[in-house]
C-alpha cells in the first residue's frame, strides 16, 4: 500500500480549519451555557459530547478532502474528477451518519453535533473577508 502524505500547504489548511472549529466550539459551548442559565436550552454532558463528535468529524472531513486532493493531482483529469466525486459522496455520507447518530443517540445533543460542520465554512469566510480588507486598505 502506498504511503499517503499531505503537503505542507494542506497541513496548514487543516490546522487553520481545526483552529476555527475549536474557537467556534468554545463559543457555542458558552452560548449554550448562557441559554441554560436562562432556561432556554439544556447544557450538560450531551452538549459537550455532541460538540466533540461534530468537531472531530468536521475536521476529519477536511483531512479526507486533503488526501483526495493530494492523490487527485497525480491523476489524469477524468480520474481526478471521478476521485473527487467519490470523495465528496463518501464525506457527505460520513457527515450524514454522524448527524444521524447525533439525532438518535441520547448521549449527544443534536445541535452541538450538527453545528460544527458549519464552522470550517464560517472560518474560511472570515479569512476571505480579512484578506479582502487587507487588499483594499
N, C-alpha and C. Protein backbone atom coordinates (compact mmCIF):
# COMPACT_ATOMS: atom_id res chain seq x y z
N UNK A 1 0.84 -1.18 0.00
CA UNK A 1 0.00 0.00 0.00
C UNK A 1 0.88 1.24 0.00
N UNK A 2 0.51 2.20 -0.82
CA UNK A 2 1.27 3.43 -0.94
C UNK A 2 1.04 4.33 0.27
N UNK A 3 2.10 4.91 0.78
CA UNK A 3 2.02 5.80 1.93
C UNK A 3 1.44 7.14 1.49
N UNK A 4 0.38 7.58 2.18
CA UNK A 4 -0.24 8.86 1.85
C UNK A 4 0.48 9.97 2.61
N UNK A 5 0.76 11.03 1.91
CA UNK A 5 1.48 12.15 2.50
C UNK A 5 0.75 13.44 2.16
N UNK A 6 0.59 14.30 3.15
CA UNK A 6 -0.03 15.60 2.93
C UNK A 6 1.05 16.66 2.77
N UNK A 7 0.86 17.54 1.82
CA UNK A 7 1.80 18.63 1.62
C UNK A 7 1.71 19.61 2.79
N UNK A 8 2.73 20.43 2.91
CA UNK A 8 2.75 21.43 3.98
C UNK A 8 1.58 22.41 3.84
N UNK A 9 1.22 22.73 2.62
CA UNK A 9 0.10 23.65 2.40
C UNK A 9 -1.23 23.04 2.87
N UNK A 10 -1.44 21.77 2.58
CA UNK A 10 -2.66 21.09 3.04
C UNK A 10 -2.66 21.00 4.57
N UNK A 11 -1.52 20.67 5.15
CA UNK A 11 -1.42 20.61 6.62
C UNK A 11 -1.74 21.98 7.24
N UNK A 12 -1.27 23.03 6.60
CA UNK A 12 -1.53 24.39 7.08
C UNK A 12 -3.04 24.68 7.04
N UNK A 13 -3.69 24.28 5.96
CA UNK A 13 -5.14 24.50 5.84
C UNK A 13 -5.91 23.69 6.89
N UNK A 14 -5.48 22.46 7.13
CA UNK A 14 -6.15 21.63 8.14
C UNK A 14 -5.95 22.25 9.52
N UNK A 15 -4.78 22.78 9.80
CA UNK A 15 -4.54 23.46 11.07
C UNK A 15 -5.43 24.69 11.20
N UNK A 16 -5.57 25.43 10.12
CA UNK A 16 -6.45 26.60 10.10
C UNK A 16 -7.89 26.19 10.41
N UNK A 17 -8.37 25.16 9.73
CA UNK A 17 -9.74 24.66 9.95
C UNK A 17 -9.91 24.19 11.38
N UNK A 18 -8.94 23.44 11.89
CA UNK A 18 -9.00 22.92 13.26
C UNK A 18 -9.10 24.07 14.26
N UNK A 19 -8.31 25.11 14.06
CA UNK A 19 -8.33 26.26 14.97
C UNK A 19 -9.71 26.91 15.00
N UNK A 20 -10.29 27.11 13.84
CA UNK A 20 -11.62 27.74 13.80
C UNK A 20 -12.68 26.83 14.41
N UNK A 21 -12.58 25.53 14.18
CA UNK A 21 -13.55 24.61 14.79
C UNK A 21 -13.45 24.66 16.31
N UNK A 22 -12.24 24.72 16.83
CA UNK A 22 -12.05 24.80 18.30
C UNK A 22 -12.61 26.13 18.83
N UNK A 23 -12.30 27.24 18.15
CA UNK A 23 -12.78 28.56 18.59
C UNK A 23 -14.30 28.60 18.60
N UNK A 24 -14.91 28.21 17.48
CA UNK A 24 -16.36 28.26 17.40
C UNK A 24 -17.03 27.26 18.33
N UNK A 25 -16.38 26.13 18.58
CA UNK A 25 -16.92 25.16 19.55
C UNK A 25 -16.96 25.77 20.95
N UNK A 26 -15.90 26.48 21.32
CA UNK A 26 -15.86 27.13 22.63
C UNK A 26 -16.95 28.20 22.72
N UNK A 27 -17.11 28.98 21.65
CA UNK A 27 -18.16 30.00 21.63
C UNK A 27 -19.53 29.34 21.74
N UNK A 28 -19.74 28.27 21.00
CA UNK A 28 -21.02 27.57 21.05
C UNK A 28 -21.31 27.04 22.45
N UNK A 29 -20.29 26.47 23.10
CA UNK A 29 -20.50 25.97 24.47
C UNK A 29 -20.86 27.13 25.40
N UNK A 30 -20.22 28.27 25.22
CA UNK A 30 -20.55 29.44 26.03
C UNK A 30 -21.99 29.90 25.81
N UNK A 31 -22.41 29.91 24.56
CA UNK A 31 -23.79 30.30 24.25
C UNK A 31 -24.77 29.31 24.87
N UNK A 32 -24.47 28.01 24.76
CA UNK A 32 -25.34 27.00 25.36
C UNK A 32 -25.41 27.17 26.88
N UNK A 33 -24.29 27.50 27.49
CA UNK A 33 -24.25 27.70 28.94
C UNK A 33 -25.10 28.90 29.33
N UNK A 34 -25.01 29.99 28.58
CA UNK A 34 -25.83 31.18 28.85
C UNK A 34 -27.31 30.85 28.66
N UNK A 35 -27.63 30.17 27.57
CA UNK A 35 -29.03 29.79 27.31
C UNK A 35 -29.55 28.85 28.40
N UNK A 36 -28.69 27.99 28.90
CA UNK A 36 -29.05 27.10 30.00
C UNK A 36 -29.38 27.92 31.25
N UNK A 37 -28.57 28.93 31.51
CA UNK A 37 -28.77 29.79 32.67
C UNK A 37 -30.14 30.45 32.62
N UNK A 38 -30.61 30.82 31.41
CA UNK A 38 -31.91 31.46 31.25
C UNK A 38 -33.04 30.45 31.01
N UNK A 39 -32.72 29.17 31.06
CA UNK A 39 -33.74 28.13 30.92
C UNK A 39 -34.21 27.90 29.50
N UNK A 40 -33.47 28.39 28.52
CA UNK A 40 -33.87 28.26 27.12
C UNK A 40 -33.34 26.96 26.51
N UNK A 41 -32.16 26.53 26.92
CA UNK A 41 -31.54 25.32 26.38
C UNK A 41 -30.96 24.52 27.54
N UNK A 42 -30.66 23.27 27.25
CA UNK A 42 -30.07 22.39 28.26
C UNK A 42 -28.59 22.22 27.97
N UNK A 43 -27.75 22.63 28.93
CA UNK A 43 -26.32 22.45 28.80
C UNK A 43 -25.89 21.39 29.79
N UNK A 44 -25.46 20.25 29.26
CA UNK A 44 -24.98 19.16 30.10
C UNK A 44 -23.96 18.36 29.30
N UNK A 45 -23.67 17.16 29.76
CA UNK A 45 -22.65 16.35 29.08
C UNK A 45 -23.02 16.06 27.62
N UNK A 46 -24.31 16.03 27.29
CA UNK A 46 -24.71 15.75 25.91
C UNK A 46 -24.27 16.88 24.97
N UNK A 47 -24.29 18.11 25.47
CA UNK A 47 -23.84 19.24 24.66
C UNK A 47 -22.34 19.13 24.39
N UNK A 48 -21.60 18.73 25.39
CA UNK A 48 -20.15 18.60 25.24
C UNK A 48 -19.81 17.42 24.33
N UNK A 49 -20.44 16.28 24.56
CA UNK A 49 -20.16 15.10 23.73
C UNK A 49 -20.58 15.31 22.28
N UNK A 50 -21.73 15.95 22.08
CA UNK A 50 -22.17 16.25 20.72
C UNK A 50 -21.19 17.17 20.01
N UNK A 51 -20.70 18.16 20.74
CA UNK A 51 -19.71 19.09 20.18
C UNK A 51 -18.43 18.35 19.81
N UNK A 52 -17.97 17.48 20.69
CA UNK A 52 -16.76 16.71 20.39
C UNK A 52 -16.94 15.84 19.15
N UNK A 53 -18.07 15.16 19.08
CA UNK A 53 -18.34 14.30 17.92
C UNK A 53 -18.38 15.11 16.64
N UNK A 54 -19.15 16.18 16.63
CA UNK A 54 -19.27 17.01 15.43
C UNK A 54 -17.96 17.67 15.05
N UNK A 55 -17.23 18.16 16.04
CA UNK A 55 -15.97 18.85 15.77
C UNK A 55 -14.92 17.90 15.18
N UNK A 56 -14.79 16.73 15.77
CA UNK A 56 -13.80 15.76 15.29
C UNK A 56 -14.09 15.38 13.84
N UNK A 57 -15.34 15.08 13.54
CA UNK A 57 -15.67 14.66 12.18
C UNK A 57 -15.68 15.84 11.20
N UNK A 58 -15.92 17.04 11.69
CA UNK A 58 -15.82 18.22 10.85
C UNK A 58 -14.38 18.40 10.37
N UNK A 59 -13.42 18.23 11.27
CA UNK A 59 -12.01 18.33 10.90
C UNK A 59 -11.61 17.13 10.03
N UNK A 60 -12.06 15.92 10.39
CA UNK A 60 -11.74 14.74 9.57
C UNK A 60 -12.24 14.89 8.14
N UNK A 61 -13.36 15.55 7.96
CA UNK A 61 -13.88 15.81 6.63
C UNK A 61 -12.83 16.54 5.79
N UNK A 62 -12.18 17.53 6.39
CA UNK A 62 -11.16 18.27 5.66
C UNK A 62 -9.86 17.49 5.50
N UNK A 63 -9.55 16.64 6.46
CA UNK A 63 -8.37 15.77 6.32
C UNK A 63 -8.57 14.84 5.13
N UNK A 64 -9.75 14.22 5.05
CA UNK A 64 -10.04 13.32 3.93
C UNK A 64 -10.04 14.08 2.61
N UNK A 65 -10.57 15.31 2.61
CA UNK A 65 -10.52 16.14 1.41
C UNK A 65 -9.08 16.41 1.01
N UNK A 66 -8.23 16.69 1.98
CA UNK A 66 -6.81 16.93 1.70
C UNK A 66 -6.14 15.74 1.06
N UNK A 67 -6.41 14.55 1.59
CA UNK A 67 -5.84 13.34 0.99
C UNK A 67 -6.34 13.15 -0.44
N UNK A 68 -7.61 13.43 -0.66
CA UNK A 68 -8.17 13.28 -2.01
C UNK A 68 -7.51 14.24 -2.98
N UNK A 69 -7.35 15.48 -2.57
CA UNK A 69 -6.71 16.47 -3.44
C UNK A 69 -5.28 16.07 -3.75
N UNK A 70 -4.56 15.62 -2.72
CA UNK A 70 -3.16 15.21 -2.92
C UNK A 70 -3.04 14.07 -3.93
N UNK A 71 -3.95 13.11 -3.87
CA UNK A 71 -3.87 11.98 -4.80
C UNK A 71 -4.43 12.35 -6.18
N UNK A 72 -5.39 13.28 -6.22
CA UNK A 72 -6.00 13.65 -7.50
C UNK A 72 -5.04 14.40 -8.41
N UNK A 73 -4.12 15.14 -7.85
CA UNK A 73 -3.20 15.93 -8.69
C UNK A 73 -2.27 15.04 -9.51
N UNK A 74 -2.11 13.79 -9.11
CA UNK A 74 -1.24 12.87 -9.85
C UNK A 74 -2.01 12.00 -10.85
N UNK A 75 -3.30 12.29 -11.04
CA UNK A 75 -4.12 11.51 -11.96
C UNK A 75 -4.47 12.34 -13.17
N UNK A 76 -4.90 11.65 -14.25
CA UNK A 76 -5.39 12.42 -15.39
C UNK A 76 -6.71 13.08 -15.00
N UNK A 77 -7.15 14.02 -15.80
CA UNK A 77 -8.29 14.86 -15.44
C UNK A 77 -9.56 14.06 -15.15
N UNK A 78 -9.85 13.07 -15.98
CA UNK A 78 -11.06 12.28 -15.80
C UNK A 78 -11.02 11.48 -14.49
N UNK A 79 -9.90 10.84 -14.22
CA UNK A 79 -9.77 10.06 -12.99
C UNK A 79 -9.76 10.97 -11.77
N UNK A 80 -9.18 12.15 -11.90
CA UNK A 80 -9.16 13.11 -10.78
C UNK A 80 -10.58 13.56 -10.46
N UNK A 81 -11.36 13.86 -11.49
CA UNK A 81 -12.74 14.29 -11.27
C UNK A 81 -13.57 13.18 -10.63
N UNK A 82 -13.37 11.95 -11.10
CA UNK A 82 -14.09 10.82 -10.53
C UNK A 82 -13.70 10.62 -9.06
N UNK A 83 -12.42 10.75 -8.79
CA UNK A 83 -11.93 10.61 -7.43
C UNK A 83 -12.53 11.67 -6.51
N UNK A 84 -12.61 12.89 -7.00
CA UNK A 84 -13.18 13.98 -6.20
C UNK A 84 -14.68 13.76 -5.96
N UNK A 85 -15.38 13.26 -6.98
CA UNK A 85 -16.82 12.99 -6.82
C UNK A 85 -17.06 11.89 -5.80
N UNK A 86 -16.29 10.83 -5.87
CA UNK A 86 -16.43 9.73 -4.91
C UNK A 86 -16.09 10.22 -3.51
N UNK A 87 -15.04 11.01 -3.39
CA UNK A 87 -14.66 11.56 -2.09
C UNK A 87 -15.79 12.41 -1.51
N UNK A 88 -16.37 13.28 -2.33
CA UNK A 88 -17.47 14.12 -1.86
C UNK A 88 -18.64 13.27 -1.39
N UNK A 89 -18.98 12.24 -2.16
CA UNK A 89 -20.07 11.35 -1.78
C UNK A 89 -19.78 10.68 -0.44
N UNK A 90 -18.59 10.11 -0.30
CA UNK A 90 -18.24 9.41 0.94
C UNK A 90 -18.17 10.35 2.14
N UNK A 91 -17.64 11.55 1.92
CA UNK A 91 -17.57 12.51 3.03
C UNK A 91 -18.96 12.99 3.42
N UNK A 92 -19.85 13.18 2.44
CA UNK A 92 -21.23 13.56 2.76
C UNK A 92 -21.96 12.43 3.50
N UNK A 93 -21.70 11.19 3.10
CA UNK A 93 -22.29 10.05 3.81
C UNK A 93 -21.78 10.00 5.25
N UNK A 94 -20.49 10.29 5.44
CA UNK A 94 -19.92 10.32 6.79
C UNK A 94 -20.60 11.40 7.63
N UNK A 95 -20.75 12.59 7.06
CA UNK A 95 -21.40 13.68 7.79
C UNK A 95 -22.84 13.30 8.13
N UNK A 96 -23.54 12.73 7.16
CA UNK A 96 -24.92 12.31 7.40
C UNK A 96 -25.01 11.27 8.50
N UNK A 97 -24.08 10.32 8.50
CA UNK A 97 -24.09 9.28 9.55
C UNK A 97 -23.83 9.90 10.92
N UNK A 98 -22.91 10.84 11.00
CA UNK A 98 -22.62 11.49 12.28
C UNK A 98 -23.83 12.26 12.78
N UNK A 99 -24.49 12.99 11.89
CA UNK A 99 -25.67 13.75 12.30
C UNK A 99 -26.79 12.80 12.73
N UNK A 100 -26.97 11.70 12.04
CA UNK A 100 -27.99 10.71 12.43
C UNK A 100 -27.68 10.14 13.81
N UNK A 101 -26.41 9.83 14.06
CA UNK A 101 -26.02 9.36 15.39
C UNK A 101 -26.34 10.44 16.42
N UNK A 102 -26.05 11.70 16.09
CA UNK A 102 -26.35 12.81 16.99
C UNK A 102 -27.83 12.96 17.27
N UNK A 103 -28.65 12.62 16.30
CA UNK A 103 -30.10 12.71 16.47
C UNK A 103 -30.62 11.58 17.35
N UNK A 104 -30.18 10.36 17.09
CA UNK A 104 -30.78 9.20 17.73
C UNK A 104 -30.07 8.69 18.99
N UNK A 105 -28.81 8.98 19.15
CA UNK A 105 -28.09 8.53 20.35
C UNK A 105 -28.33 9.55 21.46
N UNK A 106 -28.91 9.11 22.57
CA UNK A 106 -29.27 10.07 23.63
C UNK A 106 -28.08 10.72 24.34
N UNK A 107 -26.88 10.24 24.09
CA UNK A 107 -25.72 10.85 24.76
C UNK A 107 -25.19 12.07 24.00
N UNK A 108 -25.79 12.39 22.84
CA UNK A 108 -25.34 13.54 22.05
C UNK A 108 -26.47 14.56 21.90
N UNK A 109 -26.13 15.82 22.00
CA UNK A 109 -27.06 16.90 21.71
C UNK A 109 -27.07 17.09 20.20
N UNK A 110 -28.25 17.14 19.61
CA UNK A 110 -28.38 17.24 18.16
C UNK A 110 -27.71 18.50 17.63
N UNK A 111 -27.99 19.62 18.26
CA UNK A 111 -27.47 20.90 17.77
C UNK A 111 -25.96 20.98 17.86
N UNK A 112 -25.41 20.55 19.00
CA UNK A 112 -23.96 20.66 19.15
C UNK A 112 -23.23 19.61 18.31
N UNK A 113 -23.94 18.60 17.86
CA UNK A 113 -23.35 17.63 16.93
C UNK A 113 -23.33 18.19 15.51
N UNK A 114 -24.43 18.81 15.10
CA UNK A 114 -24.57 19.26 13.71
C UNK A 114 -23.86 20.58 13.42
N UNK A 115 -23.92 21.52 14.34
CA UNK A 115 -23.39 22.86 14.07
C UNK A 115 -21.89 22.90 13.73
N UNK A 116 -21.03 22.08 14.35
CA UNK A 116 -19.61 22.16 13.99
C UNK A 116 -19.29 21.90 12.52
N UNK A 117 -20.19 21.28 11.79
CA UNK A 117 -19.94 21.07 10.37
C UNK A 117 -20.01 22.38 9.57
N UNK A 118 -20.60 23.43 10.17
CA UNK A 118 -20.64 24.74 9.53
C UNK A 118 -19.45 25.61 9.90
N UNK A 119 -18.73 25.26 10.96
CA UNK A 119 -17.65 26.10 11.46
C UNK A 119 -16.50 26.29 10.46
N UNK A 120 -16.07 25.25 9.73
CA UNK A 120 -14.99 25.49 8.76
C UNK A 120 -15.38 26.53 7.70
N UNK A 121 -16.60 26.45 7.21
CA UNK A 121 -17.05 27.39 6.19
C UNK A 121 -17.07 28.81 6.75
N UNK A 122 -17.50 28.97 7.99
CA UNK A 122 -17.52 30.30 8.61
C UNK A 122 -16.09 30.82 8.76
N UNK A 123 -15.18 29.97 9.19
CA UNK A 123 -13.77 30.36 9.32
C UNK A 123 -13.18 30.79 7.99
N UNK A 124 -13.48 30.04 6.94
CA UNK A 124 -12.99 30.38 5.59
C UNK A 124 -13.58 31.70 5.13
N UNK A 125 -14.84 31.94 5.42
CA UNK A 125 -15.50 33.20 5.06
C UNK A 125 -14.85 34.37 5.80
N UNK A 126 -14.58 34.21 7.08
CA UNK A 126 -13.93 35.27 7.87
C UNK A 126 -12.54 35.56 7.29
N UNK A 127 -11.78 34.51 6.99
CA UNK A 127 -10.45 34.72 6.42
C UNK A 127 -10.53 35.47 5.09
N UNK A 128 -11.48 35.13 4.25
CA UNK A 128 -11.58 35.82 2.96
C UNK A 128 -11.96 37.28 3.16
N UNK A 129 -12.81 37.58 4.14
CA UNK A 129 -13.19 38.97 4.42
C UNK A 129 -11.99 39.75 4.94
N UNK A 130 -11.18 39.13 5.79
CA UNK A 130 -9.97 39.79 6.31
C UNK A 130 -8.99 40.05 5.17
N UNK A 131 -8.81 39.07 4.29
CA UNK A 131 -7.91 39.26 3.14
C UNK A 131 -8.42 40.36 2.22
N UNK A 132 -9.75 40.41 2.01
CA UNK A 132 -10.33 41.45 1.17
C UNK A 132 -10.06 42.84 1.75
N UNK A 133 -10.21 42.98 3.07
CA UNK A 133 -9.95 44.28 3.70
C UNK A 133 -8.49 44.67 3.60
N UNK A 134 -7.58 43.68 3.73
CA UNK A 134 -6.15 43.97 3.60
C UNK A 134 -5.81 44.41 2.18
N UNK A 135 -6.46 43.80 1.19
CA UNK A 135 -6.19 44.15 -0.21
C UNK A 135 -6.75 45.52 -0.56
N UNK A 136 -7.84 45.92 0.08
CA UNK A 136 -8.46 47.22 -0.19
C UNK A 136 -7.64 48.33 0.47
N UNK A 137 -7.23 48.09 1.73
CA UNK A 137 -6.56 49.14 2.51
C UNK A 137 -5.15 49.28 2.26
